[in-house]
Structure formats: structure tokens, C-alpha cells
Amino acid sequence: MGNVLEVKNIEKYYGNKSNLTKAISGISFNVQEGEFVGIMGASGSGKTTLLNCISTIDKVTSGQIIINGQDITKLKGNNLNKFRREELGFIFQDFNLLDTLTAYENIALALTIQKVKPKEIDKRVKEVAEKLEITNILNKYPYQISGGQKQRVASSRAIITNPKIILADEPTRSIGLEICKTVTRKL
């Protein structure tokens, strides 16, 4: 098995010369295919910033992040958007479900953006929902479901496209990482 992720001496600064904050300082590590890695640290130590850089939500100030041999720190525009759609799954700390969409629609959204055929979308959403035991809430809106159910919907949305990497920000709040482990082995 090879490296699916290589983080090479990344740094992230916020602010300007008169008020500069170093959020990440010289971090390097590798993650091999099939490996599950947890990042721990005190509040404010840069965990979410690191995840945001790996997920391309934020840009590094210096260093490289290589996913499946591709330096994502050099991607821009449509290439960056395509990479996000096809290679990454992300479970946000606060779920980031769209309130105007049902659980089914929140999960299906990533496949819709990828222009997957409706029949295939329906099949895959139902498959993932069954594995995560949320078939009974697919027609409900986020405000109608519990926090644990929201986490399962968010996890379903992250894995529905079969991404190369799934990033989860504080998944222990509920069940995120365990769900991803279980489902990715079964799909």
C-alpha cells in the first residue's frame, strides 16, 4: 500500500505583518491507503485549520499537500473544484446540512453535482442509508431529526461518492469515524 496523503512541512499564517498568527508550524506526516488517523490536541492548536488545508477549504502559506500523487496546493479554479468533488469526503463538526433539503436530498446532493443518473443516485443513497440505519428519516428535514441522525446523514453525504479520503472534524462528538470505517469496508 502506498501513501494516499503526504503533508510536507506545511505552515499556515493568518493576518498581516503587524498582527500575524501562526496557526500551523512545519507539520509533516504521511497516511497510507486504508489507514485511519486521528489528530489530537488542545483547543486552538490548529487541528481544524490542518483539516481545512487538507480539504482545500483553506490554503497553506507554505509547504505541500499531496493526495494520490497530486500536489493539491497548486490546484486552482475548475481543477480544484473537480478534485474536491471527486476525491474528498468531509464531515463537518456542525454537520453543515442544508435546512431546505431532506436527509435524502442532502446525501444525494454530491452525486447530483457529479451528474450521476437519478436511478443510480437513488440506489446509492438507499444503500448507504440502510448501512447507517437512517432509511426511516430520509424524507425528514434536518430540524426534524436528532443530532446523532444528523451525524449519520453528514457521514452518508461524505462517503456517497466513494472519495479517496474522508476527513472528519471532531467525529467523536457522535459516531463519524466509526461510521466511515464500517461503511467504507462494506460498500
N, C-alpha and C. Protein backbone atom coordinates (compact mmCIF):
# COMPACT_ATOMS: atom_id res chain seq x y z
N MET A 1 0.83 -1.19 0.00
CA MET A 1 0.00 0.00 0.00
C MET A 1 0.87 1.25 0.00
N GLY A 2 0.45 2.24 -0.78
CA GLY A 2 1.20 3.49 -0.86
C GLY A 2 0.56 4.59 -0.04
N ASN A 3 1.20 5.72 -0.06
CA ASN A 3 0.67 6.89 0.65
C ASN A 3 -0.52 7.45 -0.13
N VAL A 4 -1.60 7.69 0.57
CA VAL A 4 -2.73 8.38 -0.04
C VAL A 4 -2.64 9.87 0.28
N LEU A 5 -1.95 10.21 1.35
CA LEU A 5 -1.78 11.61 1.76
C LEU A 5 -0.35 11.83 2.24
N GLU A 6 0.26 12.90 1.73
CA GLU A 6 1.58 13.34 2.20
C GLU A 6 1.47 14.82 2.54
N VAL A 7 1.76 15.15 3.77
CA VAL A 7 1.79 16.54 4.21
C VAL A 7 3.26 16.86 4.46
N LYS A 8 3.76 17.87 3.73
CA LYS A 8 5.19 18.18 3.77
C LYS A 8 5.44 19.60 4.25
N ASN A 9 5.88 19.70 5.51
CA ASN A 9 6.34 20.95 6.10
C ASN A 9 5.38 22.12 5.86
N ILE A 10 4.10 21.90 6.15
CA ILE A 10 3.14 22.98 5.89
C ILE A 10 3.10 23.99 7.03
N GLU A 11 2.85 25.21 6.63
CA GLU A 11 2.67 26.31 7.57
C GLU A 11 1.45 27.10 7.13
N LYS A 12 0.75 27.66 8.11
CA LYS A 12 -0.41 28.49 7.82
C LYS A 12 -0.39 29.68 8.76
N TYR A 13 -0.39 30.87 8.15
CA TYR A 13 -0.43 32.12 8.89
C TYR A 13 -1.72 32.85 8.56
N TYR A 14 -2.24 33.55 9.55
CA TYR A 14 -3.38 34.44 9.36
C TYR A 14 -2.96 35.84 9.74
N GLY A 15 -3.59 36.83 9.11
CA GLY A 15 -3.33 38.22 9.46
C GLY A 15 -2.31 38.87 8.55
N ASN A 16 -1.73 39.97 9.03
CA ASN A 16 -0.73 40.71 8.26
C ASN A 16 0.51 40.93 9.12
N LYS A 17 1.47 41.66 8.59
CA LYS A 17 2.76 41.84 9.28
C LYS A 17 2.63 42.38 10.70
N SER A 18 1.69 43.29 10.92
CA SER A 18 1.55 43.88 12.25
C SER A 18 0.78 42.99 13.22
N ASN A 19 0.05 42.03 12.71
CA ASN A 19 -0.75 41.14 13.56
C ASN A 19 -0.80 39.75 12.95
N LEU A 20 0.32 39.05 12.98
CA LEU A 20 0.46 37.75 12.34
C LEU A 20 0.27 36.63 13.35
N THR A 21 -0.59 35.66 12.99
CA THR A 21 -0.81 34.49 13.84
C THR A 21 -0.40 33.24 13.07
N LYS A 22 0.46 32.45 13.69
CA LYS A 22 0.89 31.19 13.09
C LYS A 22 -0.05 30.10 13.60
N ALA A 23 -0.89 29.56 12.71
CA ALA A 23 -1.85 28.53 13.10
C ALA A 23 -1.26 27.13 12.97
N ILE A 24 -0.38 26.95 12.00
CA ILE A 24 0.28 25.66 11.77
C ILE A 24 1.75 25.94 11.51
N SER A 25 2.62 25.16 12.14
CA SER A 25 4.06 25.40 12.01
C SER A 25 4.81 24.11 11.66
N GLY A 26 5.21 23.97 10.41
CA GLY A 26 6.09 22.89 9.99
C GLY A 26 5.58 21.48 10.21
N ILE A 27 4.33 21.23 9.90
CA ILE A 27 3.76 19.89 10.09
C ILE A 27 4.05 19.02 8.88
N SER A 28 4.50 17.79 9.14
CA SER A 28 4.75 16.79 8.09
C SER A 28 4.28 15.43 8.59
N PHE A 29 3.60 14.69 7.74
CA PHE A 29 3.21 13.31 8.04
C PHE A 29 2.68 12.66 6.77
N ASN A 30 2.59 11.32 6.80
CA ASN A 30 2.04 10.54 5.69
C ASN A 30 0.91 9.68 6.21
N VAL A 31 -0.06 9.41 5.34
CA VAL A 31 -1.14 8.48 5.66
C VAL A 31 -1.20 7.47 4.52
N GLN A 32 -1.12 6.19 4.87
CA GLN A 32 -1.18 5.14 3.86
C GLN A 32 -2.61 4.76 3.55
N GLU A 33 -2.81 4.23 2.37
CA GLU A 33 -4.13 3.77 1.95
C GLU A 33 -4.68 2.77 2.98
N GLY A 34 -5.93 2.97 3.38
CA GLY A 34 -6.58 2.09 4.34
C GLY A 34 -6.31 2.43 5.79
N GLU A 35 -5.44 3.37 6.04
CA GLU A 35 -5.08 3.76 7.40
C GLU A 35 -6.08 4.78 7.95
N PHE A 36 -6.35 4.69 9.25
CA PHE A 36 -7.21 5.64 9.94
C PHE A 36 -6.35 6.40 10.93
N VAL A 37 -6.38 7.73 10.82
CA VAL A 37 -5.51 8.57 11.63
C VAL A 37 -6.36 9.57 12.40
N GLY A 38 -6.03 9.75 13.66
CA GLY A 38 -6.69 10.76 14.48
C GLY A 38 -5.68 11.85 14.84
N ILE A 39 -6.15 13.08 14.86
CA ILE A 39 -5.31 14.21 15.24
C ILE A 39 -5.85 14.76 16.54
N MET A 40 -5.00 14.79 17.55
CA MET A 40 -5.44 15.25 18.86
C MET A 40 -4.61 16.46 19.28
N GLY A 41 -5.22 17.31 20.08
CA GLY A 41 -4.51 18.46 20.59
C GLY A 41 -5.46 19.38 21.34
N ALA A 42 -4.91 20.32 22.02
CA ALA A 42 -5.70 21.27 22.79
C ALA A 42 -6.53 22.15 21.86
N SER A 43 -7.57 22.73 22.42
CA SER A 43 -8.39 23.67 21.68
C SER A 43 -7.51 24.83 21.20
N GLY A 44 -7.65 25.19 19.93
CA GLY A 44 -6.85 26.27 19.37
C GLY A 44 -5.48 25.86 18.90
N SER A 45 -5.19 24.56 18.86
CA SER A 45 -3.85 24.11 18.47
C SER A 45 -3.68 23.93 16.96
N GLY A 46 -4.76 24.11 16.17
CA GLY A 46 -4.62 24.05 14.72
C GLY A 46 -5.21 22.82 14.06
N LYS A 47 -5.94 21.99 14.81
CA LYS A 47 -6.50 20.76 14.24
C LYS A 47 -7.46 21.05 13.08
N THR A 48 -8.41 21.93 13.30
CA THR A 48 -9.38 22.26 12.26
C THR A 48 -8.70 22.98 11.10
N THR A 49 -7.75 23.86 11.40
CA THR A 49 -7.00 24.54 10.34
C THR A 49 -6.28 23.52 9.47
N LEU A 50 -5.66 22.53 10.08
CA LEU A 50 -4.98 21.47 9.34
C LEU A 50 -5.97 20.74 8.44
N LEU A 51 -7.11 20.33 8.99
CA LEU A 51 -8.13 19.65 8.18
C LEU A 51 -8.62 20.54 7.05
N ASN A 52 -8.81 21.82 7.33
CA ASN A 52 -9.26 22.75 6.30
C ASN A 52 -8.24 22.89 5.18
N CYS A 53 -6.97 22.84 5.51
CA CYS A 53 -5.92 22.90 4.48
C CYS A 53 -5.91 21.62 3.65
N ILE A 54 -6.01 20.47 4.30
CA ILE A 54 -6.02 19.20 3.57
C ILE A 54 -7.25 19.10 2.67
N SER A 55 -8.36 19.63 3.14
CA SER A 55 -9.61 19.54 2.37
C SER A 55 -9.75 20.65 1.34
N THR A 56 -8.78 21.51 1.23
CA THR A 56 -8.74 22.64 0.29
C THR A 56 -9.76 23.72 0.62
N ILE A 57 -10.33 23.70 1.81
CA ILE A 57 -11.20 24.79 2.26
C ILE A 57 -10.34 26.03 2.49
N ASP A 58 -9.10 25.79 2.94
CA ASP A 58 -8.16 26.87 3.21
C ASP A 58 -6.86 26.55 2.48
N LYS A 59 -6.05 27.56 2.19
CA LYS A 59 -4.77 27.37 1.51
C LYS A 59 -3.62 27.48 2.51
N VAL A 60 -2.62 26.65 2.30
CA VAL A 60 -1.43 26.73 3.15
C VAL A 60 -0.62 27.97 2.78
N THR A 61 0.14 28.48 3.73
CA THR A 61 1.05 29.60 3.45
C THR A 61 2.31 29.07 2.76
N SER A 62 2.77 27.90 3.21
CA SER A 62 3.91 27.25 2.57
C SER A 62 3.83 25.75 2.82
N GLY A 63 4.60 24.99 2.03
CA GLY A 63 4.61 23.55 2.14
C GLY A 63 3.74 22.92 1.06
N GLN A 64 3.65 21.59 1.11
CA GLN A 64 2.90 20.84 0.11
C GLN A 64 1.96 19.85 0.78
N ILE A 65 0.83 19.63 0.12
CA ILE A 65 -0.10 18.57 0.50
C ILE A 65 -0.35 17.76 -0.77
N ILE A 66 0.03 16.50 -0.71
CA ILE A 66 -0.08 15.64 -1.89
C ILE A 66 -1.07 14.52 -1.58
N ILE A 67 -2.09 14.43 -2.42
CA ILE A 67 -3.10 13.39 -2.28
C ILE A 67 -3.07 12.55 -3.54
N ASN A 68 -2.82 11.26 -3.37
CA ASN A 68 -2.71 10.33 -4.50
C ASN A 68 -1.76 10.84 -5.58
N GLY A 69 -0.62 11.37 -5.15
CA GLY A 69 0.41 11.83 -6.07
C GLY A 69 0.18 13.21 -6.65
N GLN A 70 -0.92 13.87 -6.30
CA GLN A 70 -1.23 15.19 -6.86
C GLN A 70 -1.04 16.26 -5.79
N ASP A 71 -0.22 17.26 -6.11
CA ASP A 71 0.02 18.37 -5.19
C ASP A 71 -1.18 19.30 -5.23
N ILE A 72 -2.03 19.20 -4.20
CA ILE A 72 -3.28 19.97 -4.20
C ILE A 72 -3.05 21.44 -3.88
N THR A 73 -1.86 21.79 -3.38
CA THR A 73 -1.59 23.19 -3.08
C THR A 73 -1.41 24.00 -4.36
N LYS A 74 -1.27 23.33 -5.50
CA LYS A 74 -1.11 24.01 -6.78
C LYS A 74 -2.41 24.07 -7.59
N LEU A 75 -3.47 23.41 -7.10
CA LEU A 75 -4.73 23.38 -7.84
C LEU A 75 -5.50 24.70 -7.69
N LYS A 76 -6.16 25.10 -8.79
CA LYS A 76 -6.96 26.32 -8.78
C LYS A 76 -8.20 26.12 -9.64
N GLY A 77 -9.19 26.98 -9.41
CA GLY A 77 -10.37 27.06 -10.26
C GLY A 77 -11.10 25.74 -10.44
N ASN A 78 -11.39 25.41 -11.70
CA ASN A 78 -12.15 24.20 -12.02
C ASN A 78 -11.43 22.93 -11.62
N ASN A 79 -10.11 22.93 -11.72
CA ASN A 79 -9.34 21.74 -11.31
C ASN A 79 -9.49 21.49 -9.81
N LEU A 80 -9.49 22.55 -9.03
CA LEU A 80 -9.67 22.42 -7.59
C LEU A 80 -11.09 21.95 -7.27
N ASN A 81 -12.08 22.52 -7.93
CA ASN A 81 -13.47 22.10 -7.72
C ASN A 81 -13.67 20.64 -8.08
N LYS A 82 -13.11 20.22 -9.19
CA LYS A 82 -13.22 18.82 -9.63
C LYS A 82 -12.57 17.89 -8.60
N PHE A 83 -11.40 18.29 -8.11
CA PHE A 83 -10.70 17.50 -7.10
C PHE A 83 -11.56 17.32 -5.86
N ARG A 84 -12.14 18.42 -5.36
CA ARG A 84 -12.99 18.34 -4.16
C ARG A 84 -14.16 17.38 -4.38
N ARG A 85 -14.82 17.53 -5.53
CA ARG A 85 -16.00 16.71 -5.83
C ARG A 85 -15.67 15.23 -5.90
N GLU A 86 -14.54 14.90 -6.49
CA GLU A 86 -14.24 13.51 -6.82
C GLU A 86 -13.34 12.79 -5.82
N GLU A 87 -12.55 13.53 -5.08
CA GLU A 87 -11.53 12.88 -4.25
C GLU A 87 -11.77 12.96 -2.74
N LEU A 88 -12.56 13.94 -2.29
CA LEU A 88 -12.67 14.19 -0.85
C LEU A 88 -14.08 13.99 -0.31
N GLY A 89 -14.15 13.50 0.90
CA GLY A 89 -15.37 13.49 1.68
C GLY A 89 -15.08 14.22 2.98
N PHE A 90 -16.01 15.04 3.44
CA PHE A 90 -15.75 15.83 4.64
C PHE A 90 -16.96 15.78 5.55
N ILE A 91 -16.72 15.47 6.81
CA ILE A 91 -17.77 15.51 7.83
C ILE A 91 -17.46 16.70 8.72
N PHE A 92 -18.30 17.72 8.64
CA PHE A 92 -18.08 18.94 9.39
C PHE A 92 -18.50 18.76 10.85
N GLN A 93 -17.84 19.50 11.71
CA GLN A 93 -18.12 19.45 13.14
C GLN A 93 -19.59 19.78 13.43
N ASP A 94 -20.14 20.73 12.69
CA ASP A 94 -21.54 21.12 12.91
C ASP A 94 -22.47 20.57 11.82
N PHE A 95 -22.04 19.54 11.12
CA PHE A 95 -22.79 18.79 10.11
C PHE A 95 -22.94 19.51 8.78
N ASN A 96 -23.22 20.82 8.77
CA ASN A 96 -23.41 21.60 7.54
C ASN A 96 -24.46 21.00 6.60
N LEU A 97 -25.56 20.51 7.16
CA LEU A 97 -26.67 20.04 6.34
C LEU A 97 -27.47 21.25 5.87
N LEU A 98 -28.04 21.16 4.69
CA LEU A 98 -28.86 22.24 4.17
C LEU A 98 -30.28 22.08 4.70
N ASP A 99 -30.74 23.09 5.43
CA ASP A 99 -32.05 23.02 6.10
C ASP A 99 -33.22 22.88 5.15
N THR A 100 -33.07 23.34 3.92
CA THR A 100 -34.19 23.30 2.96
C THR A 100 -34.24 21.98 2.19
N LEU A 101 -33.31 21.08 2.47
CA LEU A 101 -33.29 19.77 1.82
C LEU A 101 -33.56 18.67 2.83
N THR A 102 -34.22 17.61 2.38
CA THR A 102 -34.44 16.45 3.24
C THR A 102 -33.11 15.72 3.45
N ALA A 103 -33.11 14.76 4.35
CA ALA A 103 -31.91 13.95 4.57
C ALA A 103 -31.49 13.28 3.26
N TYR A 104 -32.46 12.73 2.55
CA TYR A 104 -32.19 12.08 1.25
C TYR A 104 -31.51 13.08 0.31
N GLU A 105 -32.07 14.27 0.19
CA GLU A 105 -31.54 15.27 -0.73
C GLU A 105 -30.16 15.76 -0.30
N ASN A 106 -29.93 15.88 1.00
CA ASN A 106 -28.60 16.26 1.50
C ASN A 106 -27.56 15.21 1.11
N ILE A 107 -27.91 13.95 1.22
CA ILE A 107 -26.99 12.87 0.86
C ILE A 107 -26.78 12.83 -0.65
N ALA A 108 -27.86 12.97 -1.40
CA ALA A 108 -27.81 12.86 -2.87
C ALA A 108 -27.13 14.04 -3.54
N LEU A 109 -27.02 15.16 -2.86
CA LEU A 109 -26.51 16.39 -3.47
C LEU A 109 -25.15 16.20 -4.14
N ALA A 110 -24.23 15.53 -3.47
CA ALA A 110 -22.89 15.33 -4.03
C ALA A 110 -22.94 14.54 -5.34
N LEU A 111 -23.81 13.55 -5.42
CA LEU A 111 -23.94 12.77 -6.64
C LEU A 111 -24.63 13.57 -7.74
N THR A 112 -25.58 14.40 -7.35
CA THR A 112 -26.27 15.26 -8.32
C THR A 112 -25.28 16.22 -8.97
N ILE A 113 -24.40 16.79 -8.16
CA ILE A 113 -23.37 17.70 -8.67
C ILE A 113 -22.45 16.97 -9.64
N GLN A 114 -22.19 15.69 -9.37
CA GLN A 114 -21.34 14.89 -10.26
C GLN A 114 -22.10 14.39 -11.49
N LYS A 115 -23.37 14.75 -11.60
CA LYS A 115 -24.22 14.38 -12.73
C LYS A 115 -24.42 12.87 -12.87
N VAL A 116 -24.52 12.21 -11.71
CA VAL A 116 -24.84 10.79 -11.69
C VAL A 116 -26.32 10.64 -12.04
N LYS A 117 -26.66 9.59 -12.75
CA LYS A 117 -28.05 9.38 -13.17
C LYS A 117 -28.96 9.17 -11.96
N PRO A 118 -30.18 9.71 -12.02
CA PRO A 118 -31.11 9.63 -10.88
C PRO A 118 -31.33 8.21 -10.35
N LYS A 119 -31.42 7.24 -11.21
CA LYS A 119 -31.63 5.85 -10.78
C LYS A 119 -30.45 5.36 -9.93
N GLU A 120 -29.24 5.71 -10.36
CA GLU A 120 -28.04 5.33 -9.62
C GLU A 120 -27.96 6.09 -8.29
N ILE A 121 -28.34 7.37 -8.31
CA ILE A 121 -28.36 8.16 -7.07
C ILE A 121 -29.29 7.49 -6.06
N ASP A 122 -30.49 7.16 -6.49
CA ASP A 122 -31.47 6.55 -5.60
C ASP A 122 -30.93 5.25 -5.01
N LYS A 123 -30.34 4.43 -5.84
CA LYS A 123 -29.78 3.15 -5.39
C LYS A 123 -28.69 3.37 -4.34
N ARG A 124 -27.77 4.29 -4.61
CA ARG A 124 -26.64 4.51 -3.71
C ARG A 124 -27.07 5.16 -2.40
N VAL A 125 -28.00 6.11 -2.47
CA VAL A 125 -28.48 6.75 -1.24
C VAL A 125 -29.16 5.72 -0.35
N LYS A 126 -30.01 4.89 -0.93
CA LYS A 126 -30.71 3.88 -0.14
C LYS A 126 -29.75 2.85 0.44
N GLU A 127 -28.73 2.50 -0.32
CA GLU A 127 -27.72 1.55 0.14
C GLU A 127 -26.98 2.09 1.37
N VAL A 128 -26.51 3.32 1.27
CA VAL A 128 -25.77 3.94 2.38
C VAL A 128 -26.70 4.15 3.58
N ALA A 129 -27.91 4.61 3.31
CA ALA A 129 -28.88 4.86 4.40
C ALA A 129 -29.19 3.57 5.15
N GLU A 130 -29.29 2.48 4.44
CA GLU A 130 -29.56 1.19 5.09
C GLU A 130 -28.40 0.80 5.99
N LYS A 131 -27.18 0.95 5.49
CA LYS A 131 -25.99 0.59 6.27
C LYS A 131 -25.88 1.44 7.54
N LEU A 132 -26.30 2.71 7.43
CA LEU A 132 -26.19 3.61 8.58
C LEU A 132 -27.49 3.69 9.39
N GLU A 133 -28.43 2.85 9.02
CA GLU A 133 -29.70 2.74 9.74
C GLU A 133 -30.45 4.07 9.83
N ILE A 134 -30.58 4.75 8.68
CA ILE A 134 -31.33 6.00 8.64
C ILE A 134 -32.40 6.01 7.54
N THR A 135 -32.77 4.85 7.05
CA THR A 135 -33.78 4.81 5.98
C THR A 135 -35.10 5.42 6.43
N ASN A 136 -35.41 5.33 7.70
CA ASN A 136 -36.69 5.85 8.21
C ASN A 136 -36.73 7.37 8.32
N ILE A 137 -35.61 8.05 8.12
CA ILE A 137 -35.60 9.52 8.24
C ILE A 137 -35.26 10.22 6.93
N LEU A 138 -35.15 9.49 5.85
CA LEU A 138 -34.71 10.08 4.58
C LEU A 138 -35.62 11.21 4.11
N ASN A 139 -36.89 11.18 4.44
CA ASN A 139 -37.82 12.23 4.00
C ASN A 139 -37.97 13.36 5.01
N LYS A 140 -37.17 13.34 6.06
CA LYS A 140 -37.25 14.39 7.08
C LYS A 140 -36.19 15.46 6.82
N TYR A 141 -36.49 16.66 7.32
CA TYR A 141 -35.56 17.78 7.23
C TYR A 141 -34.65 17.79 8.46
N PRO A 142 -33.48 18.44 8.36
CA PRO A 142 -32.55 18.44 9.49
C PRO A 142 -33.17 18.87 10.82
N TYR A 143 -34.08 19.83 10.82
CA TYR A 143 -34.68 20.28 12.08
C TYR A 143 -35.62 19.22 12.69
N GLN A 144 -35.93 18.19 11.92
CA GLN A 144 -36.84 17.13 12.40
C GLN A 144 -36.09 15.90 12.92
N ILE A 145 -34.77 15.92 12.89
CA ILE A 145 -34.01 14.73 13.30
C ILE A 145 -33.04 15.06 14.42
N SER A 146 -32.59 14.03 15.12
CA SER A 146 -31.69 14.20 16.27
C SER A 146 -30.26 14.50 15.82
N GLY A 147 -29.43 14.89 16.77
CA GLY A 147 -28.02 15.16 16.49
C GLY A 147 -27.29 13.93 15.94
N GLY A 148 -27.56 12.77 16.52
CA GLY A 148 -26.93 11.54 16.04
C GLY A 148 -27.37 11.20 14.62
N GLN A 149 -28.64 11.44 14.32
CA GLN A 149 -29.14 11.20 12.97
C GLN A 149 -28.52 12.19 11.99
N LYS A 150 -28.35 13.44 12.41
CA LYS A 150 -27.68 14.43 11.56
C LYS A 150 -26.25 13.98 11.26
N GLN A 151 -25.57 13.43 12.27
CA GLN A 151 -24.21 12.95 12.07
C GLN A 151 -24.19 11.81 11.06
N ARG A 152 -25.18 10.94 11.11
CA ARG A 152 -25.25 9.83 10.16
C ARG A 152 -25.54 10.33 8.74
N VAL A 153 -26.39 11.34 8.63
CA VAL A 153 -26.67 11.93 7.31
C VAL A 153 -25.40 12.60 6.78
N ALA A 154 -24.71 13.36 7.62
CA ALA A 154 -23.47 14.01 7.21
C ALA A 154 -22.41 12.98 6.82
N SER A 155 -22.34 11.89 7.55
CA SER A 155 -21.40 10.82 7.23
C SER A 155 -21.77 10.16 5.91
N SER A 156 -23.06 9.95 5.70
CA SER A 156 -23.53 9.38 4.43
C SER A 156 -23.15 10.27 3.26
N ARG A 157 -23.34 11.56 3.43
CA ARG A 157 -23.00 12.52 2.38
C ARG A 157 -21.49 12.48 2.08
N ALA A 158 -20.68 12.28 3.12
CA ALA A 158 -19.23 12.26 2.94
C ALA A 158 -18.75 11.02 2.19
N ILE A 159 -19.44 9.90 2.35
CA ILE A 159 -18.96 8.66 1.75
C ILE A 159 -19.68 8.26 0.47
N ILE A 160 -20.78 8.93 0.13
CA ILE A 160 -21.62 8.53 -1.00
C ILE A 160 -20.87 8.52 -2.33
N THR A 161 -19.87 9.37 -2.49
CA THR A 161 -19.13 9.46 -3.75
C THR A 161 -17.91 8.53 -3.79
N ASN A 162 -17.71 7.74 -2.74
CA ASN A 162 -16.54 6.87 -2.62
C ASN A 162 -15.23 7.65 -2.76
N PRO A 163 -15.05 8.66 -1.92
CA PRO A 163 -13.85 9.50 -2.04
C PRO A 163 -12.58 8.74 -1.64
N LYS A 164 -11.46 9.28 -2.07
CA LYS A 164 -10.15 8.69 -1.72
C LYS A 164 -9.84 8.92 -0.25
N ILE A 165 -10.27 10.08 0.27
CA ILE A 165 -10.00 10.44 1.66
C ILE A 165 -11.28 10.99 2.28
N ILE A 166 -11.54 10.58 3.51
CA ILE A 166 -12.64 11.16 4.28
C ILE A 166 -12.03 11.89 5.47
N LEU A 167 -12.34 13.16 5.58
CA LEU A 167 -11.85 13.99 6.68
C LEU A 167 -13.03 14.28 7.59
N ALA A 168 -12.83 14.10 8.89
CA ALA A 168 -13.90 14.32 9.86
C ALA A 168 -13.40 15.25 10.95
N ASP A 169 -14.09 16.37 11.13
CA ASP A 169 -13.71 17.34 12.15
C ASP A 169 -14.46 17.01 13.44
N GLU A 170 -13.75 16.55 14.44
CA GLU A 170 -14.29 16.13 15.73
C GLU A 170 -15.41 15.11 15.61
N PRO A 171 -15.14 13.98 14.95
CA PRO A 171 -16.18 12.96 14.76
C PRO A 171 -16.62 12.29 16.04
N THR A 172 -15.82 12.37 17.09
CA THR A 172 -16.18 11.70 18.34
C THR A 172 -17.36 12.36 19.02
N ARG A 173 -17.77 13.55 18.54
CA ARG A 173 -18.98 14.16 19.08
C ARG A 173 -20.14 13.18 18.97
N SER A 174 -20.09 12.33 18.00
CA SER A 174 -21.14 11.33 17.84
C SER A 174 -20.49 10.05 17.34
N ILE A 175 -20.60 9.79 16.06
CA ILE A 175 -20.20 8.48 15.54
C ILE A 175 -19.43 8.53 14.25
N GLY A 176 -19.07 9.70 13.78
CA GLY A 176 -18.49 9.89 12.46
C GLY A 176 -17.44 8.92 11.99
N LEU A 177 -16.31 8.81 12.70
CA LEU A 177 -15.22 7.98 12.22
C LEU A 177 -15.59 6.51 12.22
N GLU A 178 -16.27 6.03 13.25
CA GLU A 178 -16.68 4.62 13.28
C GLU A 178 -17.63 4.30 12.13
N ILE A 179 -18.54 5.21 11.83
CA ILE A 179 -19.44 5.00 10.70
C ILE A 179 -18.63 4.89 9.41
N CYS A 180 -17.71 5.80 9.21
CA CYS A 180 -16.92 5.78 7.98
C CYS A 180 -16.11 4.49 7.87
N LYS A 181 -15.52 4.04 8.98
CA LYS A 181 -14.77 2.79 8.97
C LYS A 181 -15.67 1.64 8.54
N THR A 182 -16.81 1.52 9.18
CA THR A 182 -17.73 0.42 8.93
C THR A 182 -18.25 0.46 7.51
N VAL A 183 -18.73 1.59 7.07
CA VAL A 183 -19.38 1.68 5.77
C VAL A 183 -18.40 1.53 4.63
N THR A 184 -17.22 2.12 4.72
CA THR A 184 -16.28 2.03 3.61
C THR A 184 -15.80 0.60 3.43
N ARG A 185 -15.80 -0.18 4.46
CA ARG A 185 -15.43 -1.59 4.31
C ARG A 185 -16.54 -2.39 3.65
N LYS A 186 -17.78 -1.98 3.84
CA LYS A 186 -18.92 -2.75 3.34
C LYS A 186 -19.38 -2.34 1.96
N LEU A 187 -19.08 -1.11 1.53
CA LEU A 187 -19.57 -0.63 0.23
C LEU A 187 -18.74 -1.14 -0.91
